[in-house]
Each structure stands twice: as structure tokens, then as C-alpha cells.
Amino acid sequence: MTSSGSAGDAPLEQPDWFSEFQKHNTADPGSAPGALTPQERRKHPRFKIDEADAVLRRMGFSLFGGQANMARTAVDLSEGGVRIITTERVVPGVKVKVTIGIQKYNDSLETEAEVKWSHQNMSNGSEFYAGVMFLDLALPQVTKIARMRAWFTSAQYQAIKEKRTREKGSGLFLK
């Protein structure tokens, strides 16, 4: 970074990181799906996933065999992590093994991760939310998440979901 000695000199140069910061924090929220807004700090924006099973287990040795599953369901997902509804508060920093399964498509994603935050669900005191960041996600898994994003955010999927909701409300829904 350089500074100017007088009012007629060139303006101060911005460091590379600052121009990248400005680019991400001045995105127009309506500009493109998944565009980062000033409030969004994630590298990869999350998308809502429906009917996704989740398994969340602490990593490490257990004297009693396998670790208990702390997850109920996955709420949203990105290439960087997942938000999960859990049965208990999970301490941030804990390393976990997470599995996200979408039974309808007979597919799943399994990886190691780290809990970044956890707090109680204010509308249901027996549930907690946990933000989990993936660690060393392999390229095939990143590609799988990108395909999931394309499907769950597509107009076709949204139309199917809306139709199911209407049928369920009218009593015509058959699984």
C-alpha cells in the first residue's frame, strides 16, 4: 500500500484482499441465485434440502462401542457445511463424522466435519441447531453437493414440492 504526499497525487492503492472483500460485500441480493449479500459471510451459500436424514457422531474412541447419533435431520447444505437439527447441544470445536442421506434418491454424503456453533431451538426446547463445517471434502462430494443444489433450487423441483404441498393439504397426497 502506498500513501500520497500531497492532495494532487494518485489515490491510495487498495490491497488485493480489500478489492475481493468489496466484491463479495457489495453483491446485489437479486443479482443471481446464491450471490453473497453483506450479511452472508459463508464462502458457499446454503440451500434448503427436504427429506434429508442426518447422522452426527463424535469422532474418537468410545468404551461402549459406537457413538450415539445426535442428529435428527439436515436443514440446509452447502459445499462448505450443513445445518443440522440435533437432540442435544454440541460443543463448538468438536470433530464429528456426518452423514446426510436422501432416501428418495438413494444417495448419501459422508465426511468428517467440525461443529462451528450450536444453539437451542427457541420454538422447540428439545431441539438444537448445529452449524457443521466440512473438513477436506473430496471433489466427488463437492460435485454431488453442486448437483443437489441444482436440483433443490430448480424451478422443476419447486413446482413438484408446491404440488405435493397442495395435495397433502387437500388429503389427496399418496406417498
N, C-alpha and C. Protein backbone atom coordinates (compact mmCIF):
# COMPACT_ATOMS: atom_id res chain seq x y z
N MET A 1 0.85 -1.16 0.00
CA MET A 1 0.00 0.00 0.00
C MET A 1 0.90 1.22 0.00
N THR A 2 0.52 2.20 -0.80
CA THR A 2 1.30 3.43 -0.85
C THR A 2 0.44 4.57 -0.36
N SER A 3 1.10 5.62 0.12
CA SER A 3 0.34 6.80 0.56
C SER A 3 0.79 7.98 -0.27
N SER A 4 -0.09 8.93 -0.41
CA SER A 4 0.25 10.11 -1.21
C SER A 4 0.79 11.21 -0.31
N GLY A 5 1.69 12.00 -0.86
CA GLY A 5 2.31 13.06 -0.09
C GLY A 5 1.54 14.36 -0.20
N SER A 6 0.79 14.57 -1.29
CA SER A 6 0.05 15.81 -1.44
C SER A 6 -1.31 15.53 -2.04
N ALA A 7 -2.15 16.54 -2.04
CA ALA A 7 -3.52 16.38 -2.49
C ALA A 7 -3.61 16.04 -3.97
N GLY A 8 -2.59 16.41 -4.80
CA GLY A 8 -2.65 16.16 -6.22
C GLY A 8 -2.14 14.79 -6.63
N ASP A 9 -1.57 14.03 -5.69
CA ASP A 9 -1.04 12.70 -6.02
C ASP A 9 -2.18 11.71 -6.26
N ALA A 10 -1.82 10.54 -6.81
CA ALA A 10 -2.79 9.46 -7.05
C ALA A 10 -3.40 9.00 -5.73
N PRO A 11 -4.63 8.50 -5.77
CA PRO A 11 -5.27 8.00 -4.55
C PRO A 11 -4.53 6.77 -4.01
N LEU A 12 -4.82 6.44 -2.76
CA LEU A 12 -4.19 5.29 -2.13
C LEU A 12 -4.57 4.02 -2.88
N GLU A 13 -3.61 3.11 -3.07
CA GLU A 13 -3.88 1.81 -3.67
C GLU A 13 -4.55 0.92 -2.63
N GLN A 14 -5.50 0.12 -3.07
CA GLN A 14 -6.16 -0.82 -2.17
C GLN A 14 -5.45 -2.17 -2.26
N PRO A 15 -5.23 -2.83 -1.14
CA PRO A 15 -4.61 -4.16 -1.20
C PRO A 15 -5.55 -5.14 -1.90
N ASP A 16 -5.01 -6.24 -2.44
CA ASP A 16 -5.81 -7.22 -3.16
C ASP A 16 -6.97 -7.77 -2.34
N TRP A 17 -6.74 -8.06 -1.06
CA TRP A 17 -7.78 -8.63 -0.23
C TRP A 17 -8.96 -7.67 -0.10
N PHE A 18 -8.68 -6.35 -0.10
CA PHE A 18 -9.74 -5.38 0.08
C PHE A 18 -10.67 -5.34 -1.13
N SER A 19 -10.11 -5.41 -2.33
CA SER A 19 -10.96 -5.41 -3.52
C SER A 19 -11.80 -6.68 -3.57
N GLU A 20 -11.25 -7.81 -3.13
CA GLU A 20 -12.02 -9.06 -3.07
C GLU A 20 -13.14 -8.93 -2.03
N PHE A 21 -12.82 -8.33 -0.89
CA PHE A 21 -13.81 -8.10 0.17
C PHE A 21 -14.95 -7.24 -0.35
N GLN A 22 -14.62 -6.15 -1.05
CA GLN A 22 -15.66 -5.27 -1.59
C GLN A 22 -16.53 -5.99 -2.60
N LYS A 23 -15.92 -6.80 -3.45
CA LYS A 23 -16.68 -7.53 -4.46
C LYS A 23 -17.72 -8.43 -3.81
N HIS A 24 -17.35 -9.14 -2.73
CA HIS A 24 -18.28 -10.05 -2.07
C HIS A 24 -19.30 -9.34 -1.21
N ASN A 25 -18.98 -8.17 -0.74
CA ASN A 25 -19.89 -7.49 0.17
C ASN A 25 -20.71 -6.38 -0.48
N THR A 26 -20.65 -6.27 -1.78
CA THR A 26 -21.48 -5.30 -2.47
C THR A 26 -22.38 -5.97 -3.49
N ALA A 27 -22.52 -7.30 -3.40
CA ALA A 27 -23.38 -8.02 -4.34
C ALA A 27 -24.83 -7.61 -4.16
N ASP A 28 -25.51 -7.43 -5.26
CA ASP A 28 -26.93 -7.13 -5.24
C ASP A 28 -27.67 -8.42 -4.91
N PRO A 29 -28.45 -8.48 -3.81
CA PRO A 29 -29.11 -9.73 -3.42
C PRO A 29 -29.96 -10.32 -4.53
N GLY A 30 -30.47 -9.53 -5.43
CA GLY A 30 -31.29 -10.06 -6.51
C GLY A 30 -30.49 -10.35 -7.76
N SER A 31 -29.17 -10.19 -7.71
CA SER A 31 -28.36 -10.31 -8.92
C SER A 31 -28.29 -11.73 -9.45
N ALA A 32 -28.11 -12.70 -8.61
CA ALA A 32 -28.01 -14.08 -9.06
C ALA A 32 -28.31 -15.00 -7.89
N PRO A 33 -28.87 -16.18 -8.17
CA PRO A 33 -29.10 -17.13 -7.08
C PRO A 33 -27.77 -17.48 -6.43
N GLY A 34 -27.74 -17.44 -5.12
CA GLY A 34 -26.53 -17.79 -4.40
C GLY A 34 -25.52 -16.67 -4.27
N ALA A 35 -25.84 -15.46 -4.76
CA ALA A 35 -24.91 -14.34 -4.63
C ALA A 35 -24.77 -13.98 -3.16
N LEU A 36 -23.56 -13.63 -2.76
CA LEU A 36 -23.32 -13.27 -1.36
C LEU A 36 -23.84 -11.87 -1.08
N THR A 37 -24.52 -11.72 0.01
CA THR A 37 -25.02 -10.43 0.44
C THR A 37 -24.09 -9.92 1.55
N PRO A 38 -24.22 -8.65 1.94
CA PRO A 38 -23.36 -8.14 3.01
C PRO A 38 -23.49 -8.93 4.31
N GLN A 39 -24.68 -9.53 4.56
CA GLN A 39 -24.88 -10.28 5.80
C GLN A 39 -24.32 -11.70 5.71
N GLU A 40 -24.09 -12.21 4.52
CA GLU A 40 -23.64 -13.58 4.31
C GLU A 40 -22.12 -13.65 4.32
N ARG A 41 -21.56 -14.39 5.27
CA ARG A 41 -20.11 -14.49 5.37
C ARG A 41 -19.59 -15.83 4.87
N ARG A 42 -20.49 -16.74 4.55
CA ARG A 42 -20.05 -18.05 4.10
C ARG A 42 -19.46 -17.98 2.70
N LYS A 43 -18.49 -18.82 2.45
CA LYS A 43 -17.90 -18.94 1.13
C LYS A 43 -18.88 -19.58 0.16
N HIS A 44 -19.68 -20.52 0.66
CA HIS A 44 -20.66 -21.25 -0.14
C HIS A 44 -22.04 -21.04 0.48
N PRO A 45 -22.95 -20.35 -0.20
CA PRO A 45 -24.29 -20.16 0.35
C PRO A 45 -25.03 -21.48 0.49
N ARG A 46 -25.83 -21.59 1.52
CA ARG A 46 -26.58 -22.83 1.77
C ARG A 46 -27.87 -22.84 0.98
N PHE A 47 -28.38 -24.04 0.75
CA PHE A 47 -29.68 -24.23 0.11
C PHE A 47 -30.46 -25.24 0.95
N LYS A 48 -31.77 -25.06 0.98
CA LYS A 48 -32.65 -25.92 1.78
C LYS A 48 -32.76 -27.28 1.12
N ILE A 49 -32.68 -28.32 1.94
CA ILE A 49 -32.88 -29.68 1.44
C ILE A 49 -34.05 -30.29 2.19
N ASP A 50 -34.85 -31.04 1.47
CA ASP A 50 -36.04 -31.65 2.05
C ASP A 50 -35.84 -33.15 2.22
N GLU A 51 -36.49 -33.68 3.24
CA GLU A 51 -36.49 -35.13 3.49
C GLU A 51 -35.08 -35.70 3.52
N ALA A 52 -34.20 -35.05 4.25
CA ALA A 52 -32.81 -35.50 4.35
C ALA A 52 -32.54 -36.02 5.75
N ASP A 53 -32.14 -37.27 5.81
CA ASP A 53 -31.74 -37.87 7.09
C ASP A 53 -30.33 -37.41 7.42
N ALA A 54 -30.04 -37.31 8.70
CA ALA A 54 -28.69 -36.92 9.11
C ALA A 54 -28.23 -37.81 10.25
N VAL A 55 -26.97 -38.13 10.22
CA VAL A 55 -26.32 -38.84 11.31
C VAL A 55 -25.11 -37.99 11.71
N LEU A 56 -25.01 -37.71 13.00
CA LEU A 56 -23.90 -36.91 13.52
C LEU A 56 -23.33 -37.64 14.72
N ARG A 57 -22.08 -38.05 14.61
CA ARG A 57 -21.43 -38.79 15.70
C ARG A 57 -20.09 -38.15 16.02
N ARG A 58 -19.81 -38.05 17.33
CA ARG A 58 -18.50 -37.55 17.74
C ARG A 58 -17.43 -38.52 17.26
N MET A 59 -16.30 -37.98 16.84
CA MET A 59 -15.19 -38.83 16.43
C MET A 59 -14.38 -39.19 17.67
N GLY A 60 -13.72 -40.30 17.59
CA GLY A 60 -12.86 -40.71 18.69
C GLY A 60 -13.28 -42.05 19.26
N PHE A 61 -12.54 -42.48 20.22
CA PHE A 61 -12.72 -43.79 20.84
C PHE A 61 -13.84 -43.75 21.88
N SER A 62 -14.65 -44.81 21.90
CA SER A 62 -15.70 -44.93 22.91
C SER A 62 -15.57 -46.29 23.58
N LEU A 63 -15.62 -46.32 24.90
CA LEU A 63 -15.54 -47.58 25.64
C LEU A 63 -16.78 -48.44 25.43
N PHE A 64 -17.88 -47.82 25.03
CA PHE A 64 -19.15 -48.53 24.92
C PHE A 64 -19.52 -48.85 23.47
N GLY A 65 -18.55 -48.93 22.60
CA GLY A 65 -18.85 -49.22 21.19
C GLY A 65 -19.04 -47.94 20.41
N GLY A 66 -19.99 -47.94 19.49
CA GLY A 66 -20.22 -46.79 18.62
C GLY A 66 -20.79 -45.59 19.36
N GLN A 67 -20.52 -44.43 18.83
CA GLN A 67 -21.06 -43.19 19.39
C GLN A 67 -22.53 -43.06 19.01
N ALA A 68 -23.32 -42.46 19.88
CA ALA A 68 -24.74 -42.26 19.61
C ALA A 68 -24.95 -41.19 18.55
N ASN A 69 -25.99 -41.35 17.75
CA ASN A 69 -26.35 -40.35 16.75
C ASN A 69 -27.00 -39.16 17.45
N MET A 70 -26.47 -37.96 17.23
CA MET A 70 -27.02 -36.76 17.86
C MET A 70 -27.94 -35.99 16.93
N ALA A 71 -28.06 -36.44 15.67
CA ALA A 71 -28.82 -35.66 14.67
C ALA A 71 -30.25 -36.16 14.53
N ARG A 72 -31.12 -35.23 14.14
CA ARG A 72 -32.49 -35.58 13.76
C ARG A 72 -32.68 -35.45 12.26
N THR A 73 -32.28 -34.31 11.71
CA THR A 73 -32.43 -34.07 10.28
C THR A 73 -31.49 -32.96 9.82
N ALA A 74 -31.23 -32.92 8.53
CA ALA A 74 -30.46 -31.84 7.94
C ALA A 74 -31.43 -30.79 7.44
N VAL A 75 -31.11 -29.52 7.65
CA VAL A 75 -31.98 -28.41 7.27
C VAL A 75 -31.54 -27.80 5.96
N ASP A 76 -30.27 -27.45 5.89
CA ASP A 76 -29.72 -26.87 4.66
C ASP A 76 -28.26 -27.29 4.52
N LEU A 77 -27.75 -27.12 3.30
CA LEU A 77 -26.47 -27.70 2.94
C LEU A 77 -25.71 -26.75 2.01
N SER A 78 -24.40 -26.85 2.01
CA SER A 78 -23.56 -26.15 1.03
C SER A 78 -22.30 -26.96 0.85
N GLU A 79 -21.45 -26.52 -0.05
CA GLU A 79 -20.18 -27.19 -0.28
C GLU A 79 -19.26 -27.04 0.93
N GLY A 80 -19.58 -26.12 1.82
CA GLY A 80 -18.75 -25.89 3.00
C GLY A 80 -19.26 -26.51 4.28
N GLY A 81 -20.56 -26.84 4.34
CA GLY A 81 -21.09 -27.39 5.57
C GLY A 81 -22.58 -27.63 5.51
N VAL A 82 -23.14 -27.90 6.69
CA VAL A 82 -24.55 -28.25 6.80
C VAL A 82 -25.09 -27.74 8.13
N ARG A 83 -26.38 -27.36 8.14
CA ARG A 83 -27.06 -27.04 9.40
C ARG A 83 -27.93 -28.23 9.73
N ILE A 84 -27.79 -28.73 10.94
CA ILE A 84 -28.47 -29.94 11.37
C ILE A 84 -29.28 -29.67 12.62
N ILE A 85 -30.45 -30.29 12.71
CA ILE A 85 -31.21 -30.28 13.96
C ILE A 85 -30.72 -31.46 14.77
N THR A 86 -30.30 -31.19 16.02
CA THR A 86 -29.73 -32.22 16.88
C THR A 86 -30.59 -32.43 18.13
N THR A 87 -30.31 -33.51 18.83
CA THR A 87 -31.04 -33.85 20.05
C THR A 87 -30.40 -33.24 21.29
N GLU A 88 -29.21 -32.68 21.13
CA GLU A 88 -28.51 -32.07 22.26
C GLU A 88 -27.59 -30.96 21.76
N ARG A 89 -27.20 -30.09 22.65
CA ARG A 89 -26.24 -29.04 22.30
C ARG A 89 -24.89 -29.70 22.06
N VAL A 90 -24.25 -29.34 20.97
CA VAL A 90 -22.95 -29.91 20.62
C VAL A 90 -21.91 -28.80 20.82
N VAL A 91 -20.85 -29.12 21.51
CA VAL A 91 -19.83 -28.14 21.82
C VAL A 91 -19.09 -27.72 20.55
N PRO A 92 -19.02 -26.41 20.28
CA PRO A 92 -18.25 -25.95 19.12
C PRO A 92 -16.80 -26.40 19.20
N GLY A 93 -16.24 -26.77 18.07
CA GLY A 93 -14.86 -27.25 18.01
C GLY A 93 -14.76 -28.77 18.01
N VAL A 94 -15.86 -29.45 18.34
CA VAL A 94 -15.85 -30.91 18.37
C VAL A 94 -15.78 -31.46 16.94
N LYS A 95 -14.91 -32.44 16.73
CA LYS A 95 -14.80 -33.12 15.44
C LYS A 95 -15.87 -34.21 15.39
N VAL A 96 -16.56 -34.28 14.26
CA VAL A 96 -17.65 -35.23 14.11
C VAL A 96 -17.57 -35.93 12.75
N LYS A 97 -18.27 -37.02 12.64
CA LYS A 97 -18.49 -37.69 11.36
C LYS A 97 -19.95 -37.43 11.04
N VAL A 98 -20.21 -36.86 9.86
CA VAL A 98 -21.57 -36.50 9.47
C VAL A 98 -21.95 -37.27 8.21
N THR A 99 -23.18 -37.78 8.20
CA THR A 99 -23.74 -38.45 7.03
C THR A 99 -25.08 -37.81 6.73
N ILE A 100 -25.24 -37.37 5.50
CA ILE A 100 -26.51 -36.80 5.03
C ILE A 100 -27.06 -37.79 4.01
N GLY A 101 -28.25 -38.29 4.25
CA GLY A 101 -28.86 -39.26 3.33
C GLY A 101 -30.16 -38.75 2.78
N ILE A 102 -30.32 -38.89 1.49
CA ILE A 102 -31.59 -38.53 0.86
C ILE A 102 -32.15 -39.83 0.31
N GLN A 103 -33.03 -40.45 1.10
CA GLN A 103 -33.54 -41.78 0.80
C GLN A 103 -34.26 -41.83 -0.54
N LYS A 104 -35.03 -40.80 -0.84
CA LYS A 104 -35.81 -40.79 -2.08
C LYS A 104 -34.91 -40.97 -3.30
N TYR A 105 -33.69 -40.46 -3.25
CA TYR A 105 -32.76 -40.55 -4.36
C TYR A 105 -31.69 -41.61 -4.12
N ASN A 106 -31.84 -42.36 -3.02
CA ASN A 106 -30.92 -43.44 -2.68
C ASN A 106 -29.46 -42.96 -2.75
N ASP A 107 -29.20 -41.82 -2.11
CA ASP A 107 -27.87 -41.23 -2.16
C ASP A 107 -27.50 -40.67 -0.79
N SER A 108 -26.22 -40.61 -0.51
CA SER A 108 -25.78 -40.03 0.75
C SER A 108 -24.41 -39.39 0.58
N LEU A 109 -24.06 -38.62 1.59
CA LEU A 109 -22.80 -37.90 1.64
C LEU A 109 -22.23 -38.14 3.03
N GLU A 110 -21.00 -38.61 3.13
CA GLU A 110 -20.39 -38.86 4.43
C GLU A 110 -19.01 -38.23 4.47
N THR A 111 -18.73 -37.49 5.55
CA THR A 111 -17.43 -36.85 5.67
C THR A 111 -17.15 -36.48 7.13
N GLU A 112 -15.91 -36.13 7.38
CA GLU A 112 -15.53 -35.60 8.69
C GLU A 112 -15.81 -34.11 8.70
N ALA A 113 -16.12 -33.59 9.88
CA ALA A 113 -16.50 -32.18 9.98
C ALA A 113 -16.17 -31.66 11.38
N GLU A 114 -16.39 -30.36 11.55
CA GLU A 114 -16.19 -29.71 12.84
C GLU A 114 -17.41 -28.86 13.15
N VAL A 115 -17.91 -28.97 14.37
CA VAL A 115 -19.04 -28.15 14.80
C VAL A 115 -18.54 -26.73 15.02
N LYS A 116 -19.18 -25.76 14.37
CA LYS A 116 -18.77 -24.36 14.49
C LYS A 116 -19.64 -23.61 15.49
N TRP A 117 -20.94 -23.97 15.57
CA TRP A 117 -21.83 -23.32 16.52
C TRP A 117 -22.99 -24.26 16.84
N SER A 118 -23.64 -24.02 17.96
CA SER A 118 -24.80 -24.82 18.36
C SER A 118 -25.65 -23.98 19.31
N HIS A 119 -26.98 -23.97 19.08
CA HIS A 119 -27.87 -23.28 19.99
C HIS A 119 -29.24 -23.94 20.00
N GLN A 120 -29.97 -23.69 21.08
CA GLN A 120 -31.28 -24.31 21.27
C GLN A 120 -32.31 -23.69 20.33
N ASN A 121 -33.21 -24.52 19.83
CA ASN A 121 -34.32 -24.07 19.01
C ASN A 121 -35.31 -23.36 19.94
N MET A 122 -35.57 -22.09 19.69
CA MET A 122 -36.42 -21.31 20.59
C MET A 122 -37.89 -21.74 20.53
N SER A 123 -38.32 -22.36 19.43
CA SER A 123 -39.73 -22.79 19.34
C SER A 123 -39.92 -24.23 19.78
N ASN A 124 -38.84 -24.98 19.96
CA ASN A 124 -38.93 -26.36 20.44
C ASN A 124 -37.72 -26.62 21.32
N GLY A 125 -37.90 -26.55 22.61
CA GLY A 125 -36.81 -26.65 23.56
C GLY A 125 -36.06 -27.97 23.57
N SER A 126 -36.64 -29.02 22.95
CA SER A 126 -35.95 -30.31 22.93
C SER A 126 -35.04 -30.47 21.71
N GLU A 127 -35.01 -29.44 20.86
CA GLU A 127 -34.16 -29.50 19.67
C GLU A 127 -33.08 -28.42 19.74
N PHE A 128 -31.99 -28.70 19.05
CA PHE A 128 -30.89 -27.76 18.94
C PHE A 128 -30.49 -27.68 17.47
N TYR A 129 -29.94 -26.55 17.08
CA TYR A 129 -29.37 -26.40 15.74
C TYR A 129 -27.85 -26.44 15.89
N ALA A 130 -27.19 -27.04 14.92
CA ALA A 130 -25.73 -27.06 14.90
C ALA A 130 -25.25 -26.73 13.49
N GLY A 131 -24.31 -25.80 13.41
CA GLY A 131 -23.65 -25.49 12.15
C GLY A 131 -22.37 -26.29 12.08
N VAL A 132 -22.25 -27.10 11.04
CA VAL A 132 -21.13 -28.03 10.92
C VAL A 132 -20.35 -27.72 9.65
N MET A 133 -19.04 -27.52 9.78
CA MET A 133 -18.18 -27.22 8.64
C MET A 133 -17.45 -28.50 8.21
N PHE A 134 -17.56 -28.82 6.90
CA PHE A 134 -16.89 -29.99 6.37
C PHE A 134 -15.38 -29.80 6.39
N LEU A 135 -14.65 -30.89 6.63
CA LEU A 135 -13.19 -30.89 6.61
C LEU A 135 -12.73 -31.75 5.44
N ASP A 136 -11.90 -31.19 4.58
CA ASP A 136 -11.30 -31.95 3.47
C ASP A 136 -12.31 -32.71 2.64
N LEU A 137 -13.32 -32.02 2.15
CA LEU A 137 -14.33 -32.64 1.31
C LEU A 137 -13.70 -32.99 -0.04
N ALA A 138 -13.86 -34.23 -0.47
CA ALA A 138 -13.28 -34.70 -1.74
C ALA A 138 -14.06 -34.11 -2.92
N LEU A 139 -13.40 -33.99 -4.06
CA LEU A 139 -14.02 -33.41 -5.24
C LEU A 139 -15.33 -34.10 -5.65
N PRO A 140 -15.41 -35.45 -5.62
CA PRO A 140 -16.69 -36.08 -5.98
C PRO A 140 -17.84 -35.66 -5.04
N GLN A 141 -17.52 -35.42 -3.76
CA GLN A 141 -18.55 -34.98 -2.82
C GLN A 141 -18.96 -33.54 -3.10
N VAL A 142 -18.00 -32.69 -3.45
CA VAL A 142 -18.32 -31.30 -3.80
C VAL A 142 -19.21 -31.29 -5.03
N THR A 143 -18.89 -32.13 -6.00
CA THR A 143 -19.69 -32.23 -7.22
C THR A 143 -21.10 -32.72 -6.90
N LYS A 144 -21.22 -33.68 -6.00
CA LYS A 144 -22.52 -34.21 -5.60
C LYS A 144 -23.37 -33.11 -4.96
N ILE A 145 -22.76 -32.29 -4.11
CA ILE A 145 -23.49 -31.19 -3.47
C ILE A 145 -23.93 -30.17 -4.52
N ALA A 146 -23.06 -29.89 -5.49
CA ALA A 146 -23.43 -28.95 -6.56
C ALA A 146 -24.63 -29.48 -7.35
N ARG A 147 -24.66 -30.79 -7.61
CA ARG A 147 -25.82 -31.38 -8.30
C ARG A 147 -27.07 -31.29 -7.43
N MET A 148 -26.92 -31.51 -6.14
CA MET A 148 -28.06 -31.38 -5.22
C MET A 148 -28.58 -29.95 -5.23
N ARG A 149 -27.66 -28.98 -5.20
CA ARG A 149 -28.05 -27.57 -5.23
C ARG A 149 -28.86 -27.29 -6.50
N ALA A 150 -28.36 -27.77 -7.64
CA ALA A 150 -29.05 -27.53 -8.90
C ALA A 150 -30.47 -28.10 -8.86
N TRP A 151 -30.65 -29.29 -8.27
CA TRP A 151 -31.98 -29.89 -8.22
C TRP A 151 -32.88 -29.18 -7.21
N PHE A 152 -32.43 -29.01 -5.96
CA PHE A 152 -33.29 -28.45 -4.91
C PHE A 152 -33.63 -26.98 -5.14
N THR A 153 -32.87 -26.28 -5.95
CA THR A 153 -33.17 -24.87 -6.23
C THR A 153 -33.81 -24.70 -7.61
N SER A 154 -34.04 -25.79 -8.34
CA SER A 154 -34.60 -25.70 -9.70
C SER A 154 -36.10 -25.38 -9.67
N ALA A 155 -36.56 -24.76 -10.72
CA ALA A 155 -37.99 -24.46 -10.86
C ALA A 155 -38.79 -25.75 -10.91
N GLN A 156 -38.25 -26.80 -11.53
CA GLN A 156 -38.95 -28.07 -11.62
C GLN A 156 -39.18 -28.65 -10.22
N TYR A 157 -38.14 -28.68 -9.38
CA TYR A 157 -38.30 -29.21 -8.04
C TYR A 157 -39.28 -28.36 -7.22
N GLN A 158 -39.18 -27.04 -7.34
CA GLN A 158 -40.08 -26.16 -6.60
C GLN A 158 -41.54 -26.41 -7.00
N ALA A 159 -41.80 -26.66 -8.29
CA ALA A 159 -43.16 -26.95 -8.75
C ALA A 159 -43.64 -28.27 -8.18
N ILE A 160 -42.79 -29.29 -8.17
CA ILE A 160 -43.16 -30.59 -7.60
C ILE A 160 -43.46 -30.45 -6.11
N LYS A 161 -42.61 -29.72 -5.41
CA LYS A 161 -42.79 -29.51 -3.97
C LYS A 161 -44.11 -28.78 -3.69
N GLU A 162 -44.40 -27.75 -4.47
CA GLU A 162 -45.64 -27.00 -4.30
C GLU A 162 -46.85 -27.89 -4.55
N LYS A 163 -46.79 -28.72 -5.59
CA LYS A 163 -47.89 -29.64 -5.91
C LYS A 163 -48.11 -30.62 -4.77
N ARG A 164 -47.02 -31.18 -4.23
CA ARG A 164 -47.12 -32.11 -3.10
C ARG A 164 -47.77 -31.45 -1.89
N THR A 165 -47.38 -30.20 -1.65
CA THR A 165 -47.94 -29.46 -0.51
C THR A 165 -49.44 -29.26 -0.69
N ARG A 166 -49.85 -28.89 -1.90
CA ARG A 166 -51.29 -28.72 -2.16
C ARG A 166 -52.05 -30.03 -1.99
N GLU A 167 -51.49 -31.12 -2.54
CA GLU A 167 -52.15 -32.43 -2.44
C GLU A 167 -52.23 -32.89 -1.00
N LYS A 168 -51.19 -32.64 -0.24
CA LYS A 168 -51.17 -33.02 1.17
C LYS A 168 -52.24 -32.27 1.93
N GLY A 169 -52.40 -30.98 1.63
CA GLY A 169 -53.41 -30.15 2.29
C GLY A 169 -54.82 -30.56 1.93
N SER A 170 -55.02 -31.11 0.74
CA SER A 170 -56.36 -31.50 0.31
C SER A 170 -56.69 -32.94 0.64
N GLY A 171 -55.73 -33.68 1.19
CA GLY A 171 -55.97 -35.06 1.55
C GLY A 171 -55.74 -36.02 0.37
N LEU A 172 -55.26 -35.54 -0.78
CA LEU A 172 -55.06 -36.40 -1.93
C LEU A 172 -53.65 -36.97 -2.00
N PHE A 173 -52.79 -36.58 -1.08
CA PHE A 173 -51.38 -36.96 -1.14
C PHE A 173 -51.21 -38.44 -0.83
N LEU A 174 -50.60 -39.14 -1.74
CA LEU A 174 -50.24 -40.53 -1.51
C LEU A 174 -48.74 -40.66 -1.64
N LYS A 175 -48.12 -41.27 -0.70
CA LYS A 175 -46.66 -41.40 -0.71
C LYS A 175 -46.21 -42.49 -1.61
